Amino acid sequence: MSKAPRRARPTSIRRRTREGGYTLVELLVVITIIGLLAALVGPRVLNYLGDSKVKTAKIQIQGFASALDLFYLDAGRYPSSSEGLNALVQRPSGVGAWNGPYLKGGQVPADPWGKAYIYRAPGPNAPYEIVSRGADGQEGGTGNAADISSAAKTAAP
């Protein structure tokens, strides 16, 4: 008695093919879910980014204030408006005792939006004022575009 050769079952071939991948509908459902999550989470992440830039500017201004106090202890005065914050990294003319640079890196950093800080001496209510114009780069503004100053407390964004 001879045995007939076995044939491959077509249904088992189809079954193995399905188990190896995903259907188009499954992929579309996953992509839709990911898109919805991105739409919900994205704006919150961008808002946190804006808030972190405001906090960074406030911390940098506090760092400038500490460096200006060290300059004052050495020179007996704060830098003039014309000398600006550069007096913290380069010896200004006419200053005898200068133990700088008072800022790490040897340069005055820009604000988190890439613009230079504004330094005024004397300030409105203090010996100096350091100002960042915020996200819009213009005077005034609200939220992340509000001015950040060493002389006045700004409202929380």
Protein backbone atom coordinates (compact mmCIF):
# COMPACT_ATOMS: atom_id res chain seq x y z
CA MET A 1 0.00 0.00 0.00
CA SER A 2 1.53 3.22 -1.09
CA LYS A 3 0.78 6.47 0.58
CA ALA A 4 -0.31 9.41 -1.48
CA PRO A 5 1.79 12.56 -1.03
CA ARG A 6 0.30 15.08 1.35
CA ARG A 7 -0.88 18.35 0.03
CA ALA A 8 -0.38 21.61 1.84
CA ARG A 9 -3.58 22.98 3.19
CA PRO A 10 -4.44 26.34 1.67
CA THR A 11 -6.19 27.47 4.87
CA SER A 12 -3.07 26.94 6.97
CA ILE A 13 -1.04 29.07 4.55
CA ARG A 14 -3.56 31.90 4.84
CA ARG A 15 -3.61 31.60 8.61
CA ARG A 16 0.19 31.90 8.86
CA THR A 17 0.22 34.98 6.63
CA ARG A 18 -2.33 36.76 8.82
CA GLU A 19 -0.41 36.01 11.97
CA GLY A 20 2.75 37.63 10.57
CA GLY A 21 1.50 41.21 10.13
CA TYR A 22 -1.14 43.83 10.78
CA THR A 23 -4.09 44.77 8.67
CA LEU A 24 -4.51 48.20 7.18
CA VAL A 25 -7.45 48.90 9.50
CA GLU A 26 -5.35 48.11 12.58
CA LEU A 27 -2.60 50.44 11.40
CA LEU A 28 -5.09 53.24 10.71
CA VAL A 29 -6.61 52.87 14.17
CA VAL A 30 -3.17 53.11 15.82
CA ILE A 31 -2.20 56.14 13.72
CA THR A 32 -5.49 57.85 14.60
CA ILE A 33 -4.95 57.25 18.32
CA ILE A 34 -1.40 58.60 18.12
CA GLY A 35 -2.65 61.67 16.24
CA LEU A 36 -5.32 62.36 18.86
CA LEU A 37 -2.80 62.05 21.68
CA ALA A 38 -0.40 64.43 19.92
CA ALA A 39 -3.21 66.95 19.40
CA LEU A 40 -4.10 66.86 23.08
CA VAL A 41 -0.60 66.76 24.56
CA GLY A 42 1.24 69.00 22.06
CA PRO A 43 -0.17 72.37 23.15
CA ARG A 44 0.53 71.60 26.81
CA VAL A 45 4.14 70.75 26.05
CA LEU A 46 4.58 73.97 24.07
CA ASN A 47 3.06 75.94 26.95
CA TYR A 48 5.55 74.39 29.37
CA LEU A 49 8.35 75.32 27.00
CA GLY A 50 7.26 78.98 27.02
CA ASP A 51 6.98 78.97 30.82
CA SER A 52 10.45 77.46 31.14
CA LYS A 53 11.93 80.27 29.02
CA VAL A 54 10.39 82.86 31.36
CA LYS A 55 11.84 81.03 34.37
CA THR A 56 15.23 80.81 32.65
CA ALA A 57 15.23 84.58 32.05
CA LYS A 58 14.41 85.24 35.72
CA ILE A 59 17.23 82.95 36.84
CA GLN A 60 19.70 84.61 34.45
CA ILE A 61 18.69 88.04 35.76
CA GLN A 62 19.33 86.82 39.32
CA GLY A 63 22.75 85.59 38.18
CA PHE A 64 23.50 89.02 36.70
CA ALA A 65 22.45 90.63 40.00
CA SER A 66 24.92 88.45 41.93
CA ALA A 67 27.70 89.26 39.46
CA LEU A 68 26.88 92.98 39.65
CA ASP A 69 27.10 92.83 43.46
CA LEU A 70 30.57 91.27 43.16
CA PHE A 71 31.56 94.00 40.69
CA TYR A 72 30.29 96.59 43.19
CA LEU A 73 32.36 95.07 46.02
CA ASP A 74 35.51 95.22 43.88
CA ALA A 75 35.01 98.52 42.03
CA GLY A 76 32.95 100.45 44.57
CA ARG A 77 30.24 101.17 42.01
CA TYR A 78 27.91 99.45 39.58
CA PRO A 79 28.68 99.59 35.85
CA SER A 80 27.24 102.58 34.02
CA SER A 81 24.58 102.17 31.35
CA SER A 82 27.21 102.79 28.67
CA GLU A 83 29.48 100.06 30.12
CA GLY A 84 26.53 97.71 30.40
CA LEU A 85 26.69 94.06 31.34
CA ASN A 86 29.91 93.72 29.30
CA ALA A 87 31.68 95.23 32.33
CA LEU A 88 31.12 91.86 33.99
CA VAL A 89 33.31 90.06 31.44
CA GLN A 90 35.74 92.79 30.26
CA ARG A 91 37.51 95.32 32.46
CA PRO A 92 36.04 98.76 31.81
CA SER A 93 38.42 101.70 31.61
CA GLY A 94 38.82 103.63 34.85
CA VAL A 95 38.17 100.67 37.14
CA GLY A 96 41.17 99.94 39.36
CA ALA A 97 40.15 96.82 41.26
CA TRP A 98 38.49 94.41 38.86
CA ASN A 99 38.62 90.71 39.68
CA GLY A 100 36.52 89.48 36.80
CA PRO A 101 35.24 88.02 34.67
CA TYR A 102 32.23 87.73 36.93
CA LEU A 103 30.22 85.55 34.52
CA LYS A 104 31.15 82.01 33.52
CA GLY A 105 32.05 81.53 29.90
CA GLY A 106 33.54 85.00 29.50
CA GLN A 107 30.53 86.40 27.67
CA VAL A 108 27.15 87.88 28.49
CA PRO A 109 24.45 85.38 27.51
CA ALA A 110 21.44 86.44 25.49
CA ASP A 111 17.96 86.00 26.90
CA PRO A 112 16.14 82.70 26.15
CA TRP A 113 14.64 84.26 23.00
CA GLY A 114 18.08 85.16 21.60
CA LYS A 115 17.96 88.90 22.30
CA ALA A 116 20.34 90.98 24.42
CA TYR A 117 19.33 91.97 27.94
CA ILE A 118 18.81 95.67 28.54
CA TYR A 119 20.87 97.17 31.39
CA ARG A 120 20.10 100.57 32.89
CA ALA A 121 22.01 102.29 35.68
CA PRO A 122 20.44 103.74 37.71
CA GLY A 123 17.17 101.88 37.53
CA PRO A 124 13.76 103.33 38.46
CA ASN A 125 13.82 102.07 42.07
CA ALA A 126 17.25 100.49 42.39
CA PRO A 127 20.87 101.17 41.48
CA TYR A 128 20.35 99.22 38.25
CA GLU A 129 17.70 97.45 36.21
CA ILE A 130 18.07 94.43 33.93
CA VAL A 131 15.24 93.80 31.46
CA SER A 132 14.30 91.11 28.96
CA ARG A 133 11.52 92.08 26.56
CA GLY A 134 10.06 88.56 26.58
CA ALA A 135 8.98 86.41 23.66
CA ASP A 136 7.79 89.27 21.44
CA GLY A 137 10.93 91.39 21.96
CA GLN A 138 8.84 94.53 22.47
CA GLU A 139 8.04 96.62 25.52
CA GLY A 140 5.02 95.50 27.52
CA GLY A 141 3.05 92.42 26.67
CA THR A 142 1.28 89.72 28.60
CA GLY A 143 1.98 86.07 29.39
CA ASN A 144 5.20 84.82 27.80
CA ALA A 145 5.53 88.11 25.89
CA ALA A 146 5.61 90.19 29.13
CA ASP A 147 8.75 92.06 30.08
CA ILE A 148 10.91 90.44 32.76
CA SER A 149 12.74 92.91 34.96
CA SER A 150 15.03 92.88 37.97
CA ALA A 151 13.34 96.02 39.34
CA ALA A 152 9.68 95.05 39.24
CA LYS A 153 7.94 91.79 39.89
CA THR A 154 6.10 90.54 36.85
CA ALA A 155 2.82 88.66 36.96
CA ALA A 156 3.04 84.93 36.55
CA PRO A 157 2.22 83.83 32.99
